């Protein structure tokens, strides 16, 4: 059994107080939204019924929260137990990322007081992909809390309850692999409903597969990013050997994504649109350039053994993969009739507040709960 222990240390540091201020600003704007409606704080309209609270906080945010999913997939489905030390920190990120994505959905719903209808069978539309996404994400949030419960029980020294939960945990691990596979692909399916309102640079029948592949790539990248960042900030030991193996998995997933992505656009005859100088084409080139940069950094085995290059590659992949998802929902979407959308200051403040809350909760858990293994600290990032 791994020796997990809290990192300890002072909680109210300067960065933590700054994040707290951002969170409180987000709470103020969110309160105005609930009191006076969406129009009081957002720039959403009839042409763009969703903005960054869905495109960024949910579509991109849940991909960034796929660390727990991909580590469960590798560790338990493929029986690669060497990755087990990375599971609990990744699960923690997934827990807060998905939970706060649910908060973003409630913020985005016009009649939020009717949100409970999603669990009433007589209101269920079983033919709706949005219904499937909502149910899957809601169920996965519950599964994540149950999967993380052993960490809390260890802190409370509730050994009897912990043993009982461990006997049942395999069921929730299986659900934790199934549910994200379903809803991450379905997030791509949702934009098939946009039809010709979505630019042909993103509109393709491969959207479900491409979204699932970006969830895998981003999930592995965030695990690498967080591990290296923790080594730098919290003086944790570098886990370069195991991260190098994760990078190898990323290469194969990313190669598959890039081949399908570019060749699909080319075979449909729309590749010239990528070079017409418009904002849409520039964003297409930017997202693919970032992903290609990450691929080129990782494709050489020697680079995968360098923490600095791993960190740089993970950053490129997070930006490129996140931008692909954002572009599919916002940049590449044109409802016509002169509709335009750019997020308001209120939307941006709420998003920053949600991200700040996630980071603060993550820091609190690292310092107060047994998340990391009790190993001899190493120096920061080194080649």
Protein backbone atom coordinates (compact mmCIF):
# COMPACT_ATOMS: atom_id res chain seq x y z
CA UNK A 1 0.00 0.00 0.00
CA UNK A 2 1.37 3.42 -0.94
CA UNK A 3 2.29 5.78 1.87
CA UNK A 4 0.13 8.79 1.11
CA UNK A 5 0.34 11.89 3.25
CA UNK A 6 -0.70 15.57 3.14
CA UNK A 7 1.90 18.05 1.99
CA UNK A 8 1.13 20.36 4.91
CA UNK A 9 2.23 23.98 5.02
CA UNK A 10 0.54 27.35 5.29
CA UNK A 11 -2.70 27.71 3.35
CA UNK A 12 -3.19 31.49 3.15
CA UNK A 13 -0.28 32.33 0.90
CA UNK A 14 -0.18 35.34 -1.43
CA UNK A 15 -1.33 33.41 -4.53
CA UNK A 16 -4.14 31.78 -2.52
CA UNK A 17 -5.44 35.17 -1.35
CA UNK A 18 -5.32 36.47 -4.94
CA UNK A 19 -7.34 33.46 -6.12
CA UNK A 20 -9.79 34.06 -3.29
CA UNK A 21 -10.31 37.65 -4.47
CA UNK A 22 -11.01 36.43 -8.02
CA UNK A 23 -13.46 33.88 -6.66
CA UNK A 24 -15.35 36.50 -4.63
CA UNK A 25 -15.58 38.73 -7.71
CA UNK A 26 -17.02 35.76 -9.62
CA UNK A 27 -19.56 35.15 -6.83
CA UNK A 28 -20.72 38.78 -7.08
CA UNK A 29 -21.26 38.58 -10.85
CA UNK A 30 -22.93 35.15 -10.54
CA UNK A 31 -25.32 36.59 -7.93
CA UNK A 32 -26.29 39.33 -10.40
CA UNK A 33 -26.88 36.70 -13.07
CA UNK A 34 -29.24 34.73 -10.80
CA UNK A 35 -31.07 37.87 -9.63
CA UNK A 36 -31.41 39.76 -12.92
CA UNK A 37 -31.03 37.11 -15.62
CA UNK A 38 -28.48 36.18 -18.27
CA UNK A 39 -28.83 39.47 -20.14
CA UNK A 40 -27.59 41.43 -17.15
CA UNK A 41 -24.09 39.95 -17.26
CA UNK A 42 -23.60 38.06 -20.55
CA UNK A 43 -23.38 38.83 -24.28
CA UNK A 44 -25.21 35.64 -25.28
CA UNK A 45 -28.06 36.09 -27.71
CA UNK A 46 -30.52 34.16 -29.89
CA UNK A 47 -27.77 33.42 -32.42
CA UNK A 48 -25.27 32.30 -29.80
CA UNK A 49 -27.32 30.61 -27.06
CA UNK A 50 -24.15 29.50 -25.27
CA UNK A 51 -20.88 31.26 -24.67
CA UNK A 52 -17.70 30.60 -22.73
CA UNK A 53 -19.57 29.14 -19.74
CA UNK A 54 -20.31 26.14 -21.94
CA UNK A 55 -17.55 26.27 -24.58
CA UNK A 56 -14.71 26.97 -22.13
CA UNK A 57 -15.89 25.87 -18.69
CA UNK A 58 -17.64 22.67 -19.83
CA UNK A 59 -16.39 21.56 -23.26
CA UNK A 60 -12.75 22.52 -22.67
CA UNK A 61 -12.87 22.27 -18.89
CA UNK A 62 -14.07 18.66 -18.78
CA UNK A 63 -11.29 17.67 -21.21
CA UNK A 64 -8.77 19.28 -18.83
CA UNK A 65 -10.46 17.21 -16.11
CA UNK A 66 -9.91 13.91 -17.96
CA UNK A 67 -6.74 13.08 -16.05
CA UNK A 68 -8.63 10.72 -13.75
CA UNK A 69 -10.33 9.07 -16.72
CA UNK A 70 -7.17 8.36 -18.70
CA UNK A 71 -5.24 7.16 -15.64
CA UNK A 72 -8.08 4.79 -14.71
CA UNK A 73 -8.09 3.58 -18.30
CA UNK A 74 -4.36 2.84 -18.26
CA UNK A 75 -4.05 1.61 -14.69
CA UNK A 76 -7.12 -0.57 -14.35
CA UNK A 77 -8.43 -1.36 -17.84
CA UNK A 78 -4.96 -2.06 -19.27
CA UNK A 79 -3.55 -3.27 -15.93
CA UNK A 80 -0.58 -0.87 -16.00
CA UNK A 81 -0.16 -0.56 -12.24
CA UNK A 82 3.11 1.32 -12.64
CA UNK A 83 0.96 4.42 -13.21
CA UNK A 84 -0.91 4.00 -9.93
CA UNK A 85 1.02 6.76 -8.06
CA UNK A 86 -0.39 9.27 -10.58
CA UNK A 87 -4.00 8.20 -10.12
CA UNK A 88 -4.97 10.09 -6.97
CA UNK A 89 -3.68 13.57 -7.99
CA UNK A 90 -5.30 13.10 -11.42
CA UNK A 91 -8.56 12.02 -9.79
CA UNK A 92 -8.53 15.11 -7.60
CA UNK A 93 -8.26 17.36 -10.65
CA UNK A 94 -11.07 15.50 -12.39
CA UNK A 95 -13.27 15.78 -9.32
CA UNK A 96 -13.11 19.56 -9.14
CA UNK A 97 -13.02 20.10 -12.91
CA UNK A 98 -16.21 18.15 -13.53
CA UNK A 99 -18.02 19.41 -10.42
CA UNK A 100 -17.41 23.03 -11.36
CA UNK A 101 -18.38 22.31 -14.97
CA UNK A 102 -21.76 21.35 -13.51
CA UNK A 103 -21.87 24.75 -11.78
CA UNK A 104 -21.20 26.41 -15.15
CA UNK A 105 -24.12 24.54 -16.71
CA UNK A 106 -26.48 25.81 -13.99
CA UNK A 107 -25.20 29.34 -14.60
CA UNK A 108 -25.90 28.96 -18.33
CA UNK A 109 -29.43 27.58 -18.02
CA UNK A 110 -32.00 30.34 -18.46
CA UNK A 111 -34.60 28.82 -16.11
CA UNK A 112 -32.14 27.28 -13.68
CA UNK A 113 -34.91 26.54 -11.18
CA UNK A 114 -36.13 23.83 -13.58
CA UNK A 115 -32.75 22.06 -13.72
CA UNK A 116 -34.08 19.19 -11.60
CA UNK A 117 -36.29 18.12 -14.53
CA UNK A 118 -33.30 16.28 -15.98
CA UNK A 119 -33.77 13.52 -13.38
CA UNK A 120 -37.54 13.16 -13.87
CA UNK A 121 -38.25 10.23 -16.26
CA UNK A 122 -41.42 11.81 -17.70
CA UNK A 123 -39.36 14.80 -18.88
CA UNK A 124 -36.56 12.68 -20.36
CA UNK A 125 -35.90 12.83 -24.10
CA UNK A 126 -34.04 9.59 -24.73
CA UNK A 127 -33.33 10.60 -28.34
CA UNK A 128 -31.45 13.77 -27.32
CA UNK A 129 -27.66 13.83 -27.31
CA UNK A 130 -27.82 16.77 -24.88
CA UNK A 131 -29.79 14.59 -22.47
CA UNK A 132 -27.16 11.85 -22.73
CA UNK A 133 -24.35 14.33 -22.07
CA UNK A 134 -26.15 15.85 -19.08
CA UNK A 135 -26.94 12.49 -17.49
CA UNK A 136 -23.46 11.07 -18.13
CA UNK A 137 -21.66 14.10 -16.73
CA UNK A 138 -23.95 14.24 -13.69
CA UNK A 139 -23.43 10.53 -13.02
CA UNK A 140 -19.67 10.85 -13.52
CA UNK A 141 -19.46 13.67 -10.95
CA UNK A 142 -21.09 11.34 -8.41
CA UNK A 143 -18.70 8.52 -9.39
CA UNK A 144 -15.68 10.82 -8.96
CA UNK A 145 -16.73 11.79 -5.45
CA UNK A 146 -17.12 8.12 -4.53
CA UNK A 147 -13.74 7.24 -6.08
CA UNK A 148 -12.08 10.03 -4.09
CA UNK A 149 -13.83 9.08 -0.84
CA UNK A 150 -11.01 6.69 0.26
CA UNK A 151 -8.68 9.71 0.49
CA UNK A 152 -11.04 11.40 2.95
CA UNK A 153 -11.61 8.16 4.88
CA UNK A 154 -7.84 7.69 5.21
CA UNK A 155 -7.60 11.19 6.67
CA UNK A 156 -10.42 10.41 9.13
CA UNK A 157 -8.88 6.99 9.91
CA UNK A 158 -12.24 5.33 9.23
CA UNK A 159 -10.61 2.01 8.43
CA UNK A 160 -13.73 -0.17 8.68
CA UNK A 161 -15.71 2.00 6.27
CA UNK A 162 -12.68 2.25 4.00
CA UNK A 163 -12.42 -1.54 3.73
CA UNK A 164 -16.11 -1.82 2.83
CA UNK A 165 -15.82 0.87 0.17
CA UNK A 166 -12.69 -0.72 -1.34
CA UNK A 167 -14.64 -3.93 -1.92
CA UNK A 168 -17.13 -2.04 -4.11
CA UNK A 169 -14.75 0.44 -5.69
CA UNK A 170 -14.17 -1.67 -8.82
CA UNK A 171 -17.78 -0.98 -9.87
CA UNK A 172 -17.25 2.77 -9.74
CA UNK A 173 -13.88 2.51 -11.48
CA UNK A 174 -15.62 0.71 -14.35
CA UNK A 175 -18.27 3.44 -14.50
CA UNK A 176 -15.49 6.02 -14.32
CA UNK A 177 -14.10 4.61 -17.56
CA UNK A 178 -17.41 4.08 -19.35
CA UNK A 179 -19.13 7.40 -18.63
CA UNK A 180 -16.39 9.77 -19.93
CA UNK A 181 -15.96 7.63 -23.04
CA UNK A 182 -19.65 8.21 -23.74
CA UNK A 183 -20.05 11.89 -22.97
CA UNK A 184 -16.69 13.12 -24.31
CA UNK A 185 -17.52 11.69 -27.74
CA UNK A 186 -21.09 13.01 -27.43
CA UNK A 187 -19.79 16.54 -26.88
CA UNK A 188 -18.58 16.27 -30.47
CA UNK A 189 -21.88 14.76 -31.59
CA UNK A 190 -23.71 17.81 -30.22
CA UNK A 191 -22.12 20.09 -32.79
CA UNK A 192 -23.28 17.85 -35.62
CA UNK A 193 -26.68 19.38 -34.84
CA UNK A 194 -25.32 22.76 -35.97
CA UNK A 195 -25.19 21.51 -39.57
CA UNK A 196 -23.94 24.10 -42.02
CA UNK A 197 -23.76 26.75 -39.32
CA UNK A 198 -20.46 25.10 -38.37
CA UNK A 199 -17.48 25.83 -40.61
CA UNK A 200 -16.46 22.86 -42.82
CA UNK A 201 -13.01 23.10 -41.21
CA UNK A 202 -14.64 21.55 -38.12
CA UNK A 203 -17.89 20.07 -39.45
CA UNK A 204 -17.32 16.36 -39.99
CA UNK A 205 -18.91 13.02 -39.16
CA UNK A 206 -15.67 12.26 -37.29
CA UNK A 207 -16.46 14.85 -34.59
CA UNK A 208 -17.35 12.23 -31.92
CA UNK A 209 -14.08 10.36 -32.52
CA UNK A 210 -12.01 13.56 -32.68
CA UNK A 211 -13.49 14.82 -29.41
CA UNK A 212 -12.76 11.50 -27.72
CA UNK A 213 -9.17 11.59 -29.00
CA UNK A 214 -8.68 15.15 -27.74
CA UNK A 215 -10.03 14.05 -24.35
CA UNK A 216 -7.34 11.35 -24.26
CA UNK A 217 -4.55 13.66 -25.44
CA UNK A 218 -5.51 16.49 -23.08
CA UNK A 219 -6.07 14.05 -20.21
CA UNK A 220 -2.57 12.56 -20.52
CA UNK A 221 -1.07 16.02 -21.06
CA UNK A 222 -2.68 17.43 -17.90
CA UNK A 223 -1.30 14.52 -15.86
CA UNK A 224 2.21 15.29 -17.12
CA UNK A 225 1.72 19.02 -16.60
CA UNK A 226 0.44 18.65 -13.04
CA UNK A 227 3.11 16.15 -12.03
CA UNK A 228 5.93 18.39 -13.25
CA UNK A 229 4.29 21.52 -11.83
CA UNK A 230 3.94 19.83 -8.42
CA UNK A 231 7.60 18.84 -8.57
CA UNK A 232 8.52 22.46 -9.15
CA UNK A 233 6.15 24.16 -6.68
CA UNK A 234 5.81 21.59 -3.89
CA UNK A 235 9.29 20.07 -4.07
CA UNK A 236 7.94 16.64 -4.97
CA UNK A 237 10.16 14.02 -6.64
CA UNK A 238 10.29 14.03 -10.42
CA UNK A 239 8.49 11.09 -12.02
CA UNK A 240 10.19 11.37 -15.39
CA UNK A 241 10.39 7.63 -16.23
CA UNK A 242 6.66 7.04 -15.89
CA UNK A 243 5.81 10.39 -17.51
CA UNK A 244 8.02 9.43 -20.46
CA UNK A 245 5.89 6.32 -20.97
CA UNK A 246 2.74 8.45 -20.81
CA UNK A 247 4.23 10.69 -23.50
CA UNK A 248 4.64 7.65 -25.75
CA UNK A 249 0.90 6.94 -25.44
CA UNK A 250 0.17 10.58 -26.29
CA UNK A 251 2.21 10.32 -29.49
CA UNK A 252 0.05 7.48 -30.84
CA UNK A 253 -3.24 9.15 -29.86
CA UNK A 254 -2.10 12.48 -31.32
CA UNK A 255 -0.85 10.93 -34.55
CA UNK A 256 -4.25 9.31 -35.05
CA UNK A 257 -6.01 12.60 -34.32
CA UNK A 258 -3.83 14.64 -36.69
CA UNK A 259 -4.15 12.19 -39.57
CA UNK A 260 -7.94 12.04 -39.28
CA UNK A 261 -8.27 15.78 -38.67
CA UNK A 262 -6.18 17.04 -41.60
CA UNK A 263 -6.92 14.28 -44.11
CA UNK A 264 -10.67 14.58 -43.50
CA UNK A 265 -10.60 18.30 -44.34
CA UNK A 266 -8.37 17.61 -47.35
CA UNK A 267 -10.50 14.79 -48.80
CA UNK A 268 -13.64 16.90 -48.50
CA UNK A 269 -11.89 19.63 -50.50
CA UNK A 270 -11.94 22.32 -47.81
CA UNK A 271 -8.22 22.57 -47.02
CA UNK A 272 -7.83 25.81 -49.08
CA UNK A 273 -10.19 27.48 -46.55
CA UNK A 274 -7.40 27.18 -43.99
CA UNK A 275 -5.30 29.69 -45.93
CA UNK A 276 -7.79 32.44 -46.83
CA UNK A 277 -6.61 34.80 -44.08
CA UNK A 278 -9.88 34.93 -42.11
CA UNK A 279 -10.14 34.61 -38.34
CA UNK A 280 -11.60 31.12 -38.74
CA UNK A 281 -8.71 29.95 -40.91
CA UNK A 282 -6.12 31.53 -38.61
CA UNK A 283 -7.60 29.75 -35.60
CA UNK A 284 -7.59 26.46 -37.52
CA UNK A 285 -3.89 26.92 -38.32
CA UNK A 286 -3.08 27.99 -34.75
CA UNK A 287 -4.69 24.99 -33.06
CA UNK A 288 -3.01 22.55 -35.46
CA UNK A 289 0.36 24.31 -35.15
CA UNK A 290 0.23 23.95 -31.37
CA UNK A 291 -0.70 20.27 -31.61
CA UNK A 292 1.98 19.65 -34.22
CA UNK A 293 4.57 21.39 -32.03
CA UNK A 294 3.64 19.12 -29.13
CA UNK A 295 3.85 16.07 -31.39
CA UNK A 296 7.29 17.02 -32.74
CA UNK A 297 8.58 17.55 -29.21
CA UNK A 298 7.39 14.13 -28.08
CA UNK A 299 8.05 12.05 -31.17
CA UNK A 300 11.79 11.88 -30.37
CA UNK A 301 12.35 9.41 -27.49
CA UNK A 302 15.23 11.48 -26.03
CA UNK A 303 12.89 14.46 -25.58
CA UNK A 304 10.51 12.37 -23.48
CA UNK A 305 13.24 11.97 -20.86
CA UNK A 306 13.61 15.72 -20.39
CA UNK A 307 11.23 17.23 -17.79
CA UNK A 308 11.52 20.66 -19.41
CA UNK A 309 10.61 19.40 -22.88
CA UNK A 310 7.81 17.27 -21.44
CA UNK A 311 6.43 20.35 -19.71
CA UNK A 312 6.67 22.43 -22.90
CA UNK A 313 5.03 19.69 -24.99
CA UNK A 314 2.21 19.25 -22.45
CA UNK A 315 1.59 23.01 -22.52
CA UNK A 316 1.34 23.00 -26.34
CA UNK A 317 -1.06 20.07 -26.29
CA UNK A 318 -3.30 21.62 -23.64
CA UNK A 319 -3.49 24.89 -25.59
CA UNK A 320 -3.93 23.22 -28.99
CA UNK A 321 -6.45 20.61 -27.84
CA UNK A 322 -8.41 23.14 -25.82
CA UNK A 323 -8.45 25.56 -28.76
CA UNK A 324 -9.77 22.83 -31.09
CA UNK A 325 -12.73 22.26 -28.79
CA UNK A 326 -13.34 25.98 -28.25
CA UNK A 327 -13.20 26.69 -31.99
CA UNK A 328 -15.72 23.92 -32.69
CA UNK A 329 -18.24 25.51 -30.35
CA UNK A 330 -17.56 29.23 -30.84
CA UNK A 331 -15.05 30.35 -33.49
CA UNK A 332 -16.16 27.95 -36.22
CA UNK A 333 -19.86 28.44 -35.47
CA UNK A 334 -21.75 31.08 -37.50
CA UNK A 335 -25.54 31.23 -37.05
CA UNK A 336 -25.87 33.82 -39.83
CA UNK A 337 -28.27 36.78 -39.88
CA UNK A 338 -25.56 39.08 -38.54
CA UNK A 339 -25.29 37.49 -35.10
CA UNK A 340 -22.01 38.04 -33.26
CA UNK A 341 -20.64 37.00 -29.89
CA UNK A 342 -17.74 38.03 -27.73
CA UNK A 343 -17.74 37.23 -24.00
CA UNK A 344 -18.65 40.06 -21.65
CA UNK A 345 -16.51 41.13 -18.72
CA UNK A 346 -19.04 39.44 -16.44
CA UNK A 347 -18.68 36.09 -18.23
CA UNK A 348 -14.90 36.30 -18.03
CA UNK A 349 -14.97 37.20 -14.31
CA UNK A 350 -17.27 34.27 -13.49
CA UNK A 351 -15.02 31.90 -15.45
CA UNK A 352 -11.94 33.19 -13.63
CA UNK A 353 -13.82 32.78 -10.35
CA UNK A 354 -14.66 29.15 -11.15
CA UNK A 355 -11.07 28.36 -12.14
CA UNK A 356 -9.84 30.10 -8.98
CA UNK A 357 -12.17 28.01 -6.82
CA UNK A 358 -10.91 24.84 -8.50
CA UNK A 359 -7.26 25.75 -7.88
CA UNK A 360 -7.93 26.74 -4.25
CA UNK A 361 -9.77 23.49 -3.59
CA UNK A 362 -6.94 21.54 -5.22
CA UNK A 363 -4.34 23.31 -3.08
CA UNK A 364 -6.36 22.71 0.10
CA UNK A 365 -6.66 19.00 -0.65
CA UNK A 366 -2.95 18.65 -1.41
CA UNK A 367 -2.01 20.29 1.88
CA UNK A 368 -4.66 18.69 4.09
CA UNK A 369 -5.43 15.27 2.56
CA UNK A 370 -3.18 12.27 1.73
CA UNK A 371 -2.94 12.75 -2.04
CA UNK A 372 0.79 12.43 -2.81
CA UNK A 373 2.93 9.48 -1.82
CA UNK A 374 5.34 9.94 1.04
CA UNK A 375 8.59 9.92 -0.92
CA UNK A 376 11.90 11.70 -0.51
CA UNK A 377 11.57 15.20 -2.03
CA UNK A 378 13.62 16.01 -5.08
CA UNK A 379 14.78 19.27 -6.55
CA UNK A 380 12.74 21.25 -9.04
CA UNK A 381 12.65 20.80 -12.80
CA UNK A 382 15.96 19.67 -14.17
CA UNK A 383 17.11 18.15 -17.43
